[in-house]
C-alpha atoms as a PDB file:
ATOM      1  CA  MET A   1     -12.616  13.608  -5.315  1.00  0.00           C
ATOM      2  CA  CYS A   2     -12.418  17.159  -6.664  1.00  0.00           C
ATOM      3  CA  LYS A   3     -13.471  18.562  -3.291  1.00  0.00           C
ATOM      4  CA  ILE A   4     -10.819  16.536  -1.458  1.00  0.00           C
ATOM      5  CA  HIS A   5      -8.123  17.584  -3.921  1.00  0.00           C
ATOM      6  CA  THR A   6      -9.206  21.226  -3.698  1.00  0.00           C
ATOM      7  CA  PHE A   7      -8.862  21.406   0.064  1.00  0.00           C
ATOM      8  CA  GLU A   8      -5.672  19.328   0.165  1.00  0.00           C
ATOM      9  CA  LYS A   9      -4.152  21.617  -2.473  1.00  0.00           C
ATOM     10  CA  LEU A  10      -5.286  24.661  -0.504  1.00  0.00           C
ATOM     11  CA  ALA A  11      -3.678  23.196   2.618  1.00  0.00           C
ATOM     12  CA  TRP A  12      -0.432  22.610   0.732  1.00  0.00           C
ATOM     13  CA  ASP A  13      -0.543  26.166  -0.670  1.00  0.00           C
ATOM     14  CA  HIS A  14      -0.985  27.576   2.832  1.00  0.00           C
ATOM     15  CA  TYR A  15       1.942  25.487   4.126  1.00  0.00           C
ATOM     16  CA  CYS A  16       4.092  26.866   1.295  1.00  0.00           C
ATOM     17  CA  GLN A  17       3.022  30.403   2.185  1.00  0.00           C
ATOM     18  CA  ALA A  18       3.838  29.744   5.842  1.00  0.00           C
ATOM     19  CA  TRP A  19       7.338  28.643   4.840  1.00  0.00           C
ATOM     20  CA  HIS A  20       7.657  31.782   2.663  1.00  0.00           C
ATOM     21  CA  PHE A  21       6.914  33.974   5.669  1.00  0.00           C
ATOM     22  CA  GLU A  22       9.332  31.919   7.771  1.00  0.00           C
ATOM     23  CA  ARG A  23      12.099  32.903   5.343  1.00  0.00           C
ATOM     24  CA  LEU A  24      10.998  36.547   5.466  1.00  0.00           C
ATOM     25  CA  LYS A  25      11.081  36.413   9.275  1.00  0.00           C
ATOM     26  CA  ARG A  26      14.687  35.272   9.197  1.00  0.00           C
ATOM     27  CA  SER A  27      15.637  38.168   6.934  1.00  0.00           C
ATOM     28  CA  SER A  28      14.027  40.737   9.240  1.00  0.00           C
ATOM     29  CA  LEU A  29      15.402  39.771  12.653  1.00  0.00           C
ATOM     30  CA  ASN A  30      16.623  43.340  13.177  1.00  0.00           C
ATOM     31  CA  GLN A  31      13.283  44.888  12.182  1.00  0.00           C
ATOM     32  CA  PRO A  32      10.777  44.029  14.936  1.00  0.00           C
ATOM     33  CA  LEU A  33       7.696  45.453  13.205  1.00  0.00           C
ATOM     34  CA  LEU A  34       8.333  43.530  10.007  1.00  0.00           C
ATOM     35  CA  PHE A  35       9.278  40.414  11.947  1.00  0.00           C
ATOM     36  CA  ASN A  36       6.005  40.495  13.904  1.00  0.00           C
ATOM     37  CA  HIS A  37       4.008  41.106  10.730  1.00  0.00           C
ATOM     38  CA  TYR A  38       5.611  38.105   9.003  1.00  0.00           C
ATOM     39  CA  MET A  39       5.073  35.976  12.099  1.00  0.00           C
ATOM     40  CA  ASP A  40       1.360  36.875  12.141  1.00  0.00           C
ATOM     41  CA  GLN A  41       1.056  35.993   8.453  1.00  0.00           C
ATOM     42  CA  GLN A  42       2.838  32.677   8.992  1.00  0.00           C
ATOM     43  CA  ASP A  43       0.513  31.780  11.884  1.00  0.00           C
ATOM     44  CA  ARG A  44      -2.542  32.709   9.798  1.00  0.00           C
ATOM     45  CA  HIS A  45      -1.505  30.419   6.946  1.00  0.00           C
ATOM     46  CA  LEU A  46      -0.759  27.542   9.338  1.00  0.00           C
ATOM     47  CA  VAL A  47      -4.247  27.871  10.852  1.00  0.00           C
ATOM     48  CA  LEU A  48      -5.855  27.943   7.399  1.00  0.00           C
ATOM     49  CA  ALA A  49      -3.836  24.902   6.312  1.00  0.00           C
ATOM     50  CA  HIS A  50      -5.022  23.000   9.377  1.00  0.00           C
ATOM     51  CA  ARG A  51      -8.660  23.899   8.655  1.00  0.00           C
ATOM     52  CA  CYS A  52      -8.344  22.783   5.025  1.00  0.00           C
ATOM     53  CA  ASN A  53      -6.872  19.451   6.135  1.00  0.00           C
ATOM     54  CA  ILE A  54      -9.790  18.900   8.519  1.00  0.00           C
ATOM     55  CA  ILE A  55     -12.335  19.556   5.752  1.00  0.00           C
ATOM     56  CA  ALA A  56     -10.477  17.225   3.372  1.00  0.00           C
ATOM     57  CA  ALA A  57     -10.285  14.495   6.011  1.00  0.00           C
ATOM     58  CA  THR A  58     -14.011  14.594   6.764  1.00  0.00           C
ATOM     59  CA  THR A  59     -14.763  14.250   3.052  1.00  0.00           C
ATOM     60  CA  ARG A  60     -12.258  11.474   2.354  1.00  0.00           C
ATOM     61  CA  LYS A  61     -14.164   8.560   3.898  1.00  0.00           C
ATOM     62  CA  SER A  62     -17.254   9.256   1.842  1.00  0.00           C
ATOM     63  CA  TYR A  63     -15.114   9.528  -1.256  1.00  0.00           C
ATOM     64  CA  VAL A  64     -13.455   6.163  -0.611  1.00  0.00           C
ATOM     65  CA  ASP A  65     -16.783   4.439  -0.005  1.00  0.00           C
ATOM     66  CA  THR A  66     -18.257   5.675  -3.291  1.00  0.00           C
ATOM     67  CA  ASN A  67     -15.173   5.464  -5.503  1.00  0.00           C
ATOM     68  CA  ARG A  68     -13.509   2.174  -4.531  1.00  0.00           C
ATOM     69  CA  GLN A  69     -13.417   0.708  -7.997  1.00  0.00           C
ATOM     70  CA  SER A  70     -12.086   3.948  -9.457  1.00  0.00           C
ATOM     71  CA  ILE A  71      -9.136   3.980  -7.024  1.00  0.00           C
ATOM     72  CA  LEU A  72      -8.467   0.307  -7.603  1.00  0.00           C
ATOM     73  CA  SER A  73      -8.479   0.773 -11.372  1.00  0.00           C
ATOM     74  CA  LEU A  74      -5.982   3.637 -11.122  1.00  0.00           C
ATOM     75  CA  LEU A  75      -3.627   1.678  -8.877  1.00  0.00           C
ATOM     76  CA  ARG A  76      -3.746  -1.367 -11.126  1.00  0.00           C
ATOM     77  CA  ASP A  77      -2.550   0.830 -14.001  1.00  0.00           C
ATOM     78  CA  GLY A  78       0.460   1.896 -11.925  1.00  0.00           C
ATOM     79  CA  GLY A  79       2.222   5.249 -11.776  1.00  0.00           C
ATOM     80  CA  TYR A  80       1.633   6.033  -8.093  1.00  0.00           C
ATOM     81  CA  VAL A  81       3.724   6.355  -4.951  1.00  0.00           C
ATOM     82  CA  LEU A  82       2.224   4.611  -1.920  1.00  0.00           C
ATOM     83  CA  TYR A  83       3.622   5.801   1.401  1.00  0.00           C
ATOM     84  CA  ALA A  84       2.621   3.524   4.292  1.00  0.00           C
ATOM     85  CA  ARG A  85       3.193   3.854   8.004  1.00  0.00           C
ATOM     86  CA  HIS A  86       4.444   0.669   9.668  1.00  0.00           C
ATOM     87  CA  ALA A  87       1.984  -1.557  11.518  1.00  0.00           C
ATOM     88  CA  GLU A  88       1.099  -1.169  15.219  1.00  0.00           C
ATOM     89  CA  ALA A  89       4.271  -1.040  17.305  1.00  0.00           C
ATOM     90  CA  THR A  90       3.646  -0.961  21.040  1.00  0.00           C
ATOM     91  CA  ILE A  91       6.331  -3.359  22.335  1.00  0.00           C
ATOM     92  CA  GLY A  92       9.295  -1.642  23.983  1.00  0.00           C
ATOM     93  CA  GLU A  93      10.435   1.897  23.277  1.00  0.00           C
ATOM     94  CA  ASP A  94      13.103   3.726  21.321  1.00  0.00           C
ATOM     95  CA  GLN A  95      15.984   4.132  23.726  1.00  0.00           C
ATOM     96  CA  PRO A  96      18.061   7.353  23.598  1.00  0.00           C
ATOM     97  CA  ASN A  97      21.042   5.525  22.030  1.00  0.00           C
ATOM     98  CA  PHE A  98      19.085   2.971  20.059  1.00  0.00           C
ATOM     99  CA  ASP A  99      20.985   0.648  17.749  1.00  0.00           C
ATOM    100  CA  LEU A 100      19.356  -0.035  14.362  1.00  0.00           C
ATOM    101  CA  GLN A 101      20.880  -3.519  14.422  1.00  0.00           C
ATOM    102  CA  ASP A 102      19.493  -4.293  17.890  1.00  0.00           C
ATOM    103  CA  CYS A 103      15.698  -4.455  17.949  1.00  0.00           C
ATOM    104  CA  SER A 104      15.688  -4.664  21.744  1.00  0.00           C
ATOM    105  CA  THR A 105      16.674  -0.972  21.810  1.00  0.00           C
ATOM    106  CA  GLN A 106      13.647   0.031  19.695  1.00  0.00           C
ATOM    107  CA  ARG A 107       9.861   0.035  19.713  1.00  0.00           C
ATOM    108  CA  ASN A 108       8.654  -3.093  17.924  1.00  0.00           C
ATOM    109  CA  LEU A 109       5.555  -4.588  16.345  1.00  0.00           C
ATOM    110  CA  SER A 110       2.885  -6.014  18.594  1.00  0.00           C
ATOM    111  CA  GLU A 111       1.098  -9.248  17.725  1.00  0.00           C
ATOM    112  CA  THR A 112      -1.708  -7.112  16.325  1.00  0.00           C
ATOM    113  CA  GLY A 113       0.855  -5.236  14.256  1.00  0.00           C
ATOM    114  CA  ARG A 114       2.212  -8.455  12.766  1.00  0.00           C
ATOM    115  CA  LYS A 115      -1.293  -9.491  11.752  1.00  0.00           C
ATOM    116  CA  GLN A 116      -1.853  -6.049  10.228  1.00  0.00           C
ATOM    117  CA  ALA A 117       1.320  -6.364   8.153  1.00  0.00           C
ATOM    118  CA  GLU A 118       0.371  -9.817   6.880  1.00  0.00           C
ATOM    119  CA  MET A 119      -3.132  -8.603   5.994  1.00  0.00           C
ATOM    120  CA  TYR A 120      -1.671  -5.605   4.173  1.00  0.00           C
ATOM    121  CA  GLY A 121       0.460  -7.747   1.861  1.00  0.00           C
ATOM    122  CA  GLN A 122      -2.332 -10.249   1.345  1.00  0.00           C
ATOM    123  CA  THR A 123      -4.704  -7.452   0.325  1.00  0.00           C
ATOM    124  CA  PHE A 124      -2.229  -6.149  -2.271  1.00  0.00           C
ATOM    125  CA  ARG A 125      -2.026  -9.617  -3.790  1.00  0.00           C
ATOM    126  CA  GLN A 126      -5.797 -10.114  -3.744  1.00  0.00           C
ATOM    127  CA  LEU A 127      -6.348  -6.745  -5.404  1.00  0.00           C
ATOM    128  CA  ARG A 128      -3.573  -7.410  -7.956  1.00  0.00           C
ATOM    129  CA  ILE A 129      -1.947  -4.023  -7.357  1.00  0.00           C
ATOM    130  CA  PRO A 130       1.474  -4.009  -9.065  1.00  0.00           C
ATOM    131  CA  VAL A 131       4.336  -2.960  -6.775  1.00  0.00           C
ATOM    132  CA  GLU A 132       7.775  -2.031  -8.028  1.00  0.00           C
ATOM    133  CA  ASP A 133      10.562  -4.259  -6.749  1.00  0.00           C
ATOM    134  CA  PRO A 134      11.979  -3.668  -4.198  1.00  0.00           C
ATOM    135  CA  VAL A 135       9.634  -2.316  -1.540  1.00  0.00           C
ATOM    136  CA  LEU A 136      11.492   0.450   0.318  1.00  0.00           C
ATOM    137  CA  ALA A 137      11.621   0.381   4.121  1.00  0.00           C
ATOM    138  CA  SER A 138      13.010   2.522   6.901  1.00  0.00           C
ATOM    139  CA  PRO A 139      15.914   0.849   8.775  1.00  0.00           C
ATOM    140  CA  PHE A 140      13.952   0.681  12.043  1.00  0.00           C
ATOM    141  CA  CYS A 141      13.022  -2.870  13.035  1.00  0.00           C
ATOM    142  CA  ARG A 142       9.283  -2.132  13.078  1.00  0.00           C
ATOM    143  CA  SER A 143       9.363  -0.879   9.476  1.00  0.00           C
ATOM    144  CA  ARG A 144      11.565  -3.701   8.227  1.00  0.00           C
ATOM    145  CA  GLU A 145       9.440  -6.348   9.930  1.00  0.00           C
ATOM    146  CA  THR A 146       6.253  -4.809   8.520  1.00  0.00           C
ATOM    147  CA  ALA A 147       7.710  -4.911   5.008  1.00  0.00           C
ATOM    148  CA  VAL A 148       9.017  -8.464   5.349  1.00  0.00           C
ATOM    149  CA  LEU A 149       5.759  -9.835   6.754  1.00  0.00           C
ATOM    150  CA  ALA A 150       3.785  -8.139   3.988  1.00  0.00           C
ATOM    151  CA  PHE A 151       5.982  -8.743   0.947  1.00  0.00           C
ATOM    152  CA  GLY A 152       8.761 -11.199   1.841  1.00  0.00           C
ATOM    153  CA  GLU A 153      12.383 -10.617   2.788  1.00  0.00           C
ATOM    154  CA  ASP A 154      13.688 -11.021  -0.762  1.00  0.00           C
ATOM    155  CA  ASN A 155      11.529  -8.144  -1.975  1.00  0.00           C
ATOM    156  CA  ILE A 156      12.653  -5.513   0.546  1.00  0.00           C
ATOM    157  CA  GLN A 157      15.328  -2.835   0.379  1.00  0.00           C
ATOM    158  CA  VAL A 158      16.249  -0.860   3.490  1.00  0.00           C
ATOM    159  CA  ASP A 159      16.712   2.808   2.605  1.00  0.00           C
ATOM    160  CA  PRO A 160      18.364   4.937   5.336  1.00  0.00           C
ATOM    161  CA  PHE A 161      16.729   8.109   3.995  1.00  0.00           C
ATOM    162  CA  TRP A 162      13.345   7.131   5.453  1.00  0.00           C
ATOM    163  CA  MET A 163      14.837   7.327   8.916  1.00  0.00           C
ATOM    164  CA  ASP A 164      14.832  11.116   8.398  1.00  0.00           C
ATOM    165  CA  VAL A 165      11.029  11.065   8.608  1.00  0.00           C
ATOM    166  CA  TYR A 166      11.422   9.680  12.136  1.00  0.00           C
ATOM    167  CA  TRP A 167      13.640  12.637  13.069  1.00  0.00           C
ATOM    168  CA  LEU A 168      10.941  15.104  11.980  1.00  0.00           C
ATOM    169  CA  SER A 169       9.179  14.291  15.256  1.00  0.00           C
ATOM    170  CA  GLY A 170      12.324  15.190  17.176  1.00  0.00           C
ATOM    171  CA  ASP A 171      13.767  18.486  18.351  1.00  0.00           C
ATOM    172  CA  LEU A 172      14.679  20.103  15.021  1.00  0.00           C
ATOM    173  CA  ASN A 173      14.817  23.765  14.136  1.00  0.00           C
ATOM    174  CA  SER A 174      12.755  24.983  11.174  1.00  0.00           C
ATOM    175  CA  SER A 175      15.660  24.922   8.701  1.00  0.00           C
ATOM    176  CA  GLU A 176      16.593  21.338   9.613  1.00  0.00           C
ATOM    177  CA  GLN A 177      12.962  20.285   9.317  1.00  0.00           C
ATOM    178  CA  GLN A 178      12.551  22.008   5.963  1.00  0.00           C
ATOM    179  CA  ALA A 179      15.708  20.375   4.575  1.00  0.00           C
ATOM    180  CA  ILE A 180      14.217  16.950   5.312  1.00  0.00           C
ATOM    181  CA  VAL A 181      10.862  17.939   3.793  1.00  0.00           C
ATOM    182  CA  ASN A 182      12.605  19.188   0.634  1.00  0.00           C
ATOM    183  CA  ASN A 183      14.452  15.868   0.259  1.00  0.00           C
ATOM    184  CA  LEU A 184      11.202  14.041   0.975  1.00  0.00           C
ATOM    185  CA  ASN A 185       9.400  15.928  -1.792  1.00  0.00           C
ATOM    186  CA  SER A 186      12.196  15.079  -4.220  1.00  0.00           C
ATOM    187  CA  ARG A 187      11.744  11.387  -3.444  1.00  0.00           C
ATOM    188  CA  LEU A 188       7.964  11.483  -3.655  1.00  0.00           C
ATOM    189  CA  GLU A 189       7.875  13.229  -7.048  1.00  0.00           C
ATOM    190  CA  THR A 190       9.972  10.443  -8.620  1.00  0.00           C
ATOM    191  CA  GLN A 191       7.854   8.335 -10.970  1.00  0.00           C
ATOM    192  CA  PRO A 192       7.909   4.513 -10.705  1.00  0.00           C
ATOM    193  CA  SER A 193       8.581   2.175 -13.612  1.00  0.00           C
ATOM    194  CA  VAL A 194       5.735   1.974 -16.114  1.00  0.00           C
ATOM    195  CA  GLY A 195       2.879  -0.230 -14.915  1.00  0.00           C
ATOM    196  CA  THR A 196       4.029  -0.367 -11.288  1.00  0.00           C
ATOM    197  CA  ASN A 197       3.654   1.605  -8.047  1.00  0.00           C
ATOM    198  CA  THR A 198       6.441   2.593  -5.679  1.00  0.00           C
ATOM    199  CA  LEU A 199       5.749   1.380  -2.130  1.00  0.00           C
ATOM    200  CA  ILE A 200       7.478   2.885   0.905  1.00  0.00           C
ATOM    201  CA  ILE A 201       7.027   1.650   4.477  1.00  0.00           C
ATOM    202  CA  ALA A 202       8.279   4.094   7.071  1.00  0.00           C
ATOM    203  CA  HIS A 203       6.950   6.418   9.774  1.00  0.00           C
ATOM    204  CA  ASN A 204       4.238   8.842  10.804  1.00  0.00           C
ATOM    205  CA  PHE A 205       4.679  12.609  10.390  1.00  0.00           C
ATOM    206  CA  PRO A 206       4.025  15.369  12.903  1.00  0.00           C
ATOM    207  CA  GLU A 207       0.728  17.148  12.315  1.00  0.00           C
ATOM    208  CA  GLY A 208       1.054  19.730   9.543  1.00  0.00           C
ATOM    209  CA  VAL A 209       4.428  18.447   8.332  1.00  0.00           C
ATOM    210  CA  GLY A 210       5.154  16.364   5.226  1.00  0.00           C
ATOM    211  CA  LEU A 211       2.265  13.984   4.587  1.00  0.00           C
ATOM    212  CA  GLY A 212       0.696  14.602   7.995  1.00  0.00           C
ATOM    213  CA  GLN A 213      -0.745  12.112  10.460  1.00  0.00           C
ATOM    214  CA  ILE A 214      -1.097   8.506   9.247  1.00  0.00           C
ATOM    215  CA  SER A 215      -2.750   5.639  11.132  1.00  0.00           C
ATOM    216  CA  ASN A 216      -0.973   2.326  11.774  1.00  0.00           C
ATOM    217  CA  MET A 217      -0.627   0.611   8.386  1.00  0.00           C
ATOM    218  CA  GLY A 218      -2.400   3.536   6.730  1.00  0.00           C
ATOM    219  CA  THR A 219      -1.283   4.533   3.238  1.00  0.00           C
ATOM    220  CA  VAL A 220      -1.035   7.898   1.486  1.00  0.00           C
ATOM    221  CA  VAL A 221      -1.556   7.651  -2.283  1.00  0.00           C
ATOM    222  CA  LEU A 222       0.396  10.158  -4.382  1.00  0.00           C
ATOM    223  CA  LYS A 223       0.624  10.795  -8.113  1.00  0.00           C
ATOM    224  CA  PRO A 224       4.226  11.855  -8.864  1.00  0.00           C
ATOM    225  CA  LYS A 225       4.797  14.240 -11.766  1.00  0.00           C
ATOM    226  CA  GLY A 226       8.541  13.684 -12.208  1.00  0.00           C
ATOM    227  CA  GLN A 227      11.636  15.383 -10.807  1.00  0.00           C
ATOM    228  CA  GLY A 228      11.105  19.054 -10.172  1.00  0.00           C
ATOM    229  CA  ASN A 229       7.398  18.894 -10.976  1.00  0.00           C
ATOM    230  CA  GLY A 230       5.998  17.859  -7.600  1.00  0.00           C
ATOM    231  CA  TYR A 231       3.217  15.383  -6.954  1.00  0.00           C
ATOM    232  CA  GLU A 232      -0.525  15.252  -6.438  1.00  0.00           C
ATOM    233  CA  TYR A 233      -1.907  14.097  -3.092  1.00  0.00           C
ATOM    234  CA  VAL A 234      -4.671  11.676  -4.134  1.00  0.00           C
ATOM    235  CA  THR A 235      -6.002  10.240  -0.878  1.00  0.00           C
ATOM    236  CA  GLN A 236      -5.160   8.397   2.336  1.00  0.00           C
ATOM    237  CA  LEU A 237      -6.485   4.898   3.010  1.00  0.00           C
ATOM    238  CA  SER A 238      -6.602   3.146   6.367  1.00  0.00           C
ATOM    239  CA  LEU A 239      -5.930  -0.588   6.561  1.00  0.00           C
ATOM    240  CA  ASP A 240      -9.676  -1.221   6.869  1.00  0.00           C
ATOM    241  CA  GLU A 241     -10.281   0.847   3.729  1.00  0.00           C
ATOM    242  CA  TRP A 242      -7.632  -1.151   1.839  1.00  0.00           C
ATOM    243  CA  VAL A 243      -9.324  -4.380   2.869  1.00  0.00           C
ATOM    244  CA  GLY A 244     -12.668  -2.851   1.886  1.00  0.00           C
ATOM    245  CA  LEU A 245     -11.445  -2.398  -1.683  1.00  0.00           C
ATOM    246  CA  SER A 246     -11.465  -6.180  -2.074  1.00  0.00           C
ATOM    247  CA  GLU A 247     -15.082  -6.586  -0.907  1.00  0.00           C
END
């Protein structure tokens, strides 16, 4: 666990440094030598962040296999933020002028995805992991359906903010992207009610942005430290790893 945390923290530190040099680049547009120097430094930190993430990812599976009960015990005590990507969605596509109220204009859950969502909720109940009410979901149909199938319609709240994560994969400039990431961090550092865990069902991230790549119905586990104090990236669990916690 320490090794995973070390490399994930290093990755985060390098991403922060890359953003620092991005700001310096913007302030030196009229100084080519400085601009090129800052650009080289930014690229170096992005490469190092990527390498740290790879090392952390290769260690994570072994950690999960040997520390299942430890993770389960922590989650049962509450105090975590669980960020999940929606289940498999391979039916249709997001049309250029999609309508959030019209699922036919969006990419939707497959039959496999529906089964994944049901299994996800069932596993939470079997493991007796306390979830704060309501479960938060992106307004896209695939996220809402995932949440409803897993936890029931009466326990879901659609939060438009989580649609911003979807836009991170779009054509944004660096300042627009960073504004979303800053708002994201503010949400993720918010602590849940005592004895519960905040659960969010939304979207994948581009590689190296936000919480990074997440598999269908995968979940990133975070330990929030309160507003303005950030959060600790604990681990990421695939659906199979969640199910494995109950074995």
